[in-house]
Structure formats: C-alpha cells, structure tokens
Protein backbone atom coordinates (compact mmCIF):
# COMPACT_ATOMS: atom_id res chain seq x y z
CA MET A 1 17.89 4.63 11.03
CA ASP A 2 14.67 3.26 12.23
CA ILE A 3 12.17 1.79 9.57
CA THR A 4 8.35 2.11 10.65
CA PRO A 5 6.31 -0.76 10.97
CA GLN A 6 4.32 -0.34 7.70
CA SER A 7 7.46 0.35 5.82
CA GLN A 8 7.02 -2.95 3.61
CA LEU A 9 4.15 -4.98 2.29
CA ASP A 10 4.01 -8.17 4.20
CA MET A 11 3.75 -10.67 1.74
CA HIS A 12 2.73 -13.65 4.15
CA ALA A 13 -0.20 -11.46 5.29
CA LEU A 14 -1.42 -11.15 1.96
CA ARG A 15 -1.23 -14.60 0.69
CA ASN A 16 -3.66 -15.62 3.72
CA LEU A 17 -5.72 -12.99 3.12
CA ILE A 18 -6.33 -14.27 -0.71
CA ARG A 19 -6.50 -18.14 0.66
CA GLU A 20 -9.26 -16.65 2.77
CA VAL A 21 -11.19 -14.73 0.23
CA LEU A 22 -10.60 -17.66 -1.94
CA SER A 23 -11.66 -20.36 0.80
CA LEU A 24 -8.57 -22.27 0.04
CA PRO A 25 -7.09 -24.79 2.27
CA ASN A 26 -3.51 -24.06 3.85
CA GLY A 27 -0.53 -24.89 1.94
CA THR A 28 -2.09 -23.87 -1.67
CA VAL A 29 -1.40 -20.11 -1.75
CA ARG A 30 2.50 -19.40 -1.67
CA PRO A 31 5.24 -17.97 -3.18
CA SER A 32 7.12 -19.31 -6.29
CA ARG A 33 10.38 -19.19 -4.23
CA ASP A 34 9.18 -21.93 -2.07
CA ASN A 35 10.39 -25.65 -2.81
CA GLY A 36 7.75 -27.51 -4.42
CA ALA A 37 6.21 -27.87 -8.12
CA PHE A 38 3.82 -26.04 -9.65
CA THR A 39 1.33 -28.62 -9.05
CA PRO A 40 -2.88 -28.17 -10.04
CA GLY A 41 -4.46 -26.51 -7.40
CA ILE A 42 -1.90 -24.25 -6.30
CA VAL A 43 -1.76 -20.27 -6.34
CA ILE A 44 1.34 -18.42 -6.63
CA VAL A 45 1.66 -15.06 -5.12
CA ASN A 46 4.56 -12.80 -5.73
CA ASP A 47 5.85 -9.22 -5.48
CA VAL A 48 7.31 -8.39 -8.88
CA SER A 49 8.46 -4.86 -8.45
CA SER A 50 7.92 -1.78 -6.98
CA GLU A 51 7.42 1.79 -8.20
CA SER A 52 8.14 5.12 -6.14
CA LEU A 53 5.15 7.61 -6.55
CA GLY A 54 6.56 10.75 -4.39
CA MET A 55 8.50 11.32 -1.43
CA ARG A 56 8.31 13.81 1.39
CA SER A 57 10.42 14.53 3.96
CA ASP A 58 8.96 16.07 7.57
CA PHE A 59 10.70 16.92 10.82
CA VAL A 60 8.88 15.26 13.89
CA ASN A 61 10.15 16.24 17.59
CA GLY A 62 13.50 17.35 15.70
CA GLN A 63 13.89 14.47 13.83
CA GLU A 64 13.66 13.85 10.19
CA VAL A 65 10.94 11.44 8.93
CA ILE A 66 10.99 10.27 5.19
CA SER A 67 8.18 8.81 3.41
CA GLU A 68 7.78 7.29 0.24
CA SER A 69 4.62 6.35 -1.64
CA ILE A 70 5.24 2.78 -3.39
CA VAL A 71 2.94 1.16 -5.73
CA THR A 72 3.92 -2.68 -5.87
CA LEU A 73 3.09 -5.18 -8.65
CA ILE A 74 1.42 -8.39 -7.28
CA SER A 75 1.51 -11.25 -9.62
CA ILE A 76 -1.45 -13.84 -9.18
CA HIS A 77 -0.74 -17.37 -11.08
CA VAL A 78 -3.33 -20.25 -10.73
CA PHE A 79 -2.48 -23.72 -11.92
CA GLY A 80 -5.06 -26.67 -12.40
CA LYS A 81 -9.06 -26.95 -13.41
CA ASN A 82 -11.09 -24.06 -13.03
CA ALA A 83 -7.67 -21.51 -12.93
CA ASN A 84 -9.65 -18.62 -14.87
CA THR A 85 -12.74 -19.11 -12.65
CA LEU A 86 -11.13 -18.95 -9.97
CA LEU A 87 -9.12 -15.56 -10.55
CA ASN A 88 -12.40 -14.07 -11.88
CA LYS A 89 -13.83 -14.88 -8.74
CA PHE A 90 -11.08 -13.14 -7.25
CA ARG A 91 -11.21 -10.34 -9.31
CA LEU A 92 -14.43 -9.77 -7.58
CA ALA A 93 -13.20 -10.28 -4.47
CA LEU A 94 -10.90 -7.23 -4.35
CA ARG A 95 -13.90 -5.38 -3.88
CA THR A 96 -15.32 -7.23 -0.82
CA SER A 97 -15.14 -5.24 2.54
CA HIS A 98 -13.38 -8.59 4.10
CA PHE A 99 -10.63 -8.27 1.30
CA LEU A 100 -10.22 -4.28 1.75
CA SER A 101 -10.35 -4.70 5.48
CA GLY A 102 -7.25 -6.82 5.47
CA ILE A 103 -5.29 -4.72 3.06
CA LYS A 104 -6.30 -2.00 5.35
CA GLN A 105 -4.74 -3.59 8.09
CA MET A 106 -1.61 -4.14 6.11
CA HIS A 107 -1.61 0.03 5.69
CA ALA A 108 -2.10 -0.55 2.00
CA CYS A 109 -4.81 -0.26 -0.90
CA VAL A 110 -5.78 -1.57 -4.25
CA TYR A 111 -4.33 0.75 -6.53
CA ARG A 112 -5.37 -1.20 -9.88
CA TYR A 113 -5.38 -4.51 -11.20
CA SER A 114 -5.25 -6.35 -14.66
CA ASP A 115 -7.93 -8.47 -16.59
CA VAL A 116 -7.54 -11.91 -16.00
CA ARG A 117 -5.28 -13.75 -18.49
CA ASP A 118 -5.88 -17.08 -19.39
CA LEU A 119 -2.70 -19.03 -20.11
CA THR A 120 -3.90 -22.68 -20.67
CA THR A 121 -1.26 -24.56 -22.51
CA GLY A 122 -0.85 -27.83 -23.87
CA ILE A 123 1.87 -30.12 -22.77
CA GLY A 124 2.20 -33.33 -24.66
CA ALA A 125 -1.57 -34.97 -25.09
CA THR A 126 -3.01 -33.30 -22.10
CA LYS A 127 -3.80 -29.60 -21.37
CA GLU A 128 -3.00 -27.60 -18.35
CA GLU A 129 -5.20 -24.66 -16.99
CA ARG A 130 -3.10 -21.46 -15.91
CA SER A 131 -4.49 -18.13 -15.60
CA GLN A 132 -2.92 -14.94 -14.01
CA ILE A 133 -3.95 -11.22 -12.69
CA ASP A 134 -1.74 -8.55 -12.04
CA VAL A 135 -2.85 -6.61 -8.91
CA TYR A 136 -1.24 -3.02 -7.87
CA LEU A 137 -1.10 -1.93 -4.42
CA MET A 138 -0.29 1.10 -2.96
CA HIS A 139 1.76 1.49 0.50
CA ASN A 140 4.12 3.73 2.23
CA PHE A 141 7.51 3.20 3.28
CA SER A 142 8.91 5.57 5.83
CA ILE A 143 12.23 6.13 7.65
CA GLN A 144 13.15 8.47 10.76
CA THR A 145 16.62 9.43 11.07
CA ASP A 146 18.72 9.45 14.50
CA LEU A 147 20.09 12.97 13.59
CA PRO A 148 18.41 15.89 14.20
CA ALA A 149 17.56 18.19 11.57
CA ILE A 150 20.39 20.66 9.77
CA GLU A 151 18.93 24.07 9.65
CA LEU A 152 22.12 26.35 9.10
CA THR A 153 25.81 25.37 8.24
CA SER A 154 28.76 26.99 7.23
CA ILE A 155 31.05 26.35 4.24
CA HIS A 156 34.40 27.45 4.24
CA ALA A 157 36.67 27.02 1.14
CA GLN A 158 40.40 27.84 0.66
CA ALA A 159 41.94 27.66 -2.59
CA GLN A 160 45.78 28.38 -3.61
CA THR A 161 46.51 30.12 -7.06
CA SER A 162 49.58 29.52 -9.25
CA LYS A 163 50.89 32.80 -7.81
CA ASN A 164 50.40 31.43 -4.55
CA ASN A 165 47.68 33.78 -3.80
CA ILE A 166 45.10 32.40 -1.21
CA ILE A 167 41.48 32.81 -1.82
CA THR A 168 39.33 32.26 0.87
CA ILE A 169 35.34 31.90 0.65
CA ASN A 170 33.14 31.61 3.87
CA ASN A 171 29.42 31.08 3.23
CA GLU A 172 26.21 30.33 5.37
CA VAL A 173 23.54 28.33 3.83
CA ASN A 174 20.13 28.11 5.36
CA GLN A 175 19.05 24.04 4.84
CA GLY A 176 15.73 24.77 6.14
C-alpha cells in the first residue's frame, strides 16, 4: 500500500506556522514530548486525538484508493506572562489569510476551536500564568492499494453430513 503525502497532519509545519503568526522566536513553540521544562514564554502544541468523519473508496486506474476525513484535536498551552493575551491574539490570528493559507498548504482546514481558558495557578508564594485553547483541524488520510479491484468472486463450500452425504454450494458474488 502507498500512503499519499497529505495522509498525516504535519505537526512541525503547524508549530512553525503558529510561531510565525504569533511573532515568536525560534524554539519557543514545541511539542511537550521534547526534553525541557515548561518555562515561561514556551508554547506547547500537541495533537491530542483524531476522530473519523467518514470514509470513501474509489477506483483510480484499476487501483483502490481509500480516503478518510479526519478531525484532529490540537491542544495549545502557553506558559508565562500574558499567556491569556497571547492565546486571544492567536484565536484572532486563526482567521487571518496568512494562517489560513499555511493550513491550506498542509491540506487541512480549521474545523472549529474552543474558547481560550485561563489556567493560571498559584505555586507556593508565586503565581504562574497559563492558558489553553483547543483547535480542531480537518484533513484527509488516503491509502492506495497495490491490488486490483475485485469485481467478481466465486465461493465454493463443501460440507459432509453425519450420514456421509456431501453437500456442495457454488455461488458467484459480485463485489462491484
């Protein structure tokens, strides 16, 4: 099977796009899986889950192509001063032509997004500003099989009864 280029959401490209629209320096937008602490000024962007919206199967040049529309939940967390302000800016930036053009290049679109949530907490005698937004991106996942389409198949079954009678069933099933 061959997986098409737009099969998975490019998280590296998405993080770079978020960094660009927020005018942040290199290294500040990263996945939580990277080594390093969640220090102030860091933006964490992760794909949390994916949900299928539907599938379809087509035949192109005698080969089957199976496509699935997927909505992927992207969770964005900001740590540090003005975290809430930064994510409110990002929520507005979701509508800019720059962001929409970048998402389109990834073969995706903004499906919906949540409100910005202020998650500021007190740690000891200090307060740590945190904020979060969830963005749902829709994209397609496709595979192309190397096998030709099955249009007609024969089913042959044979059973032996307790009285040694043999029953044979021949049936043709149209798969197209």
